[in-house]
Amino acid sequence: MVLSCVECNQKKDNQLPADFLSDRPLLLAIIEKQCKQPLADAAAVNATRWKLKEVLENTGLSVELGSGGLTKFNRRRLGISKSHWTDAACVGSSTPNSLNIKGYQPLLIKAMGRGTRQMVNSDKYGFPRGAPKLQQKSFFGFQTGDMVKAVIPKGKYAGTHTGRIAVRKKGNFKIKTSTQTFDVNHKYCQHIHKSDGFAYSFGELADAKT
């Protein structure tokens, strides 16, 4: 299977490549050559997974293998909607005949990074154009990415807000909540969670019970 535009895909229909490209022998030769090349990436994954199985079994732990097809079968058999975490509950032959996940809520973790590690800046063509300036990452005990509770006593945004901040040198930070983004002074902020390079949130509650 390959990516193709609608026009080419419909034009080819169910013809074999040799028939479809009979008037373009050079292109046909390139495609046929590519078809004969081994799938190096797939081979690497296959070799890695069997090595991983071997290493895990050497720990003495119980190791079970499962296929995507079996996972799908188990998920449909149990009437569970598809997601990464529900798939994980349906992997392998040890999946029980009944599985109650009603009310469970997955923790979602997203890598956010800790700033840049670039050794050099580049222009739009990829050519170097000078080293990036070293920037101070922390101001008034806060750094970009921290989760805070901002208790604002008055003004347009008076009230208590929870969100992630972007710090500024003068102490007037930008806070992004689940519904809005605005500026807040650092003196109104209290730490909830210091940035560790990840963002945490909860997924939807599961409603399947079988």
Foldseek 3Di string as FASTA:
>chain_A
DDDDDPVLCVQCPPPDLCVSCVVPVVVSVVVVVVVPDDPVVVVVVVVVVVVVVVVVVVVVDDDFAFDPVQLVVQCVQQVFDDDVVSSVQRGGPPNDNWDFQFQPKDKDKAFQADDDPDQFDADPVRHGDGGDDDDDQDEPRAGFQFWKWFQACDDPPHGIFIATWHADHVQFIWGDGPPDIDTDGNVRIDTPGHDPRMDIDIHDGTHGGD
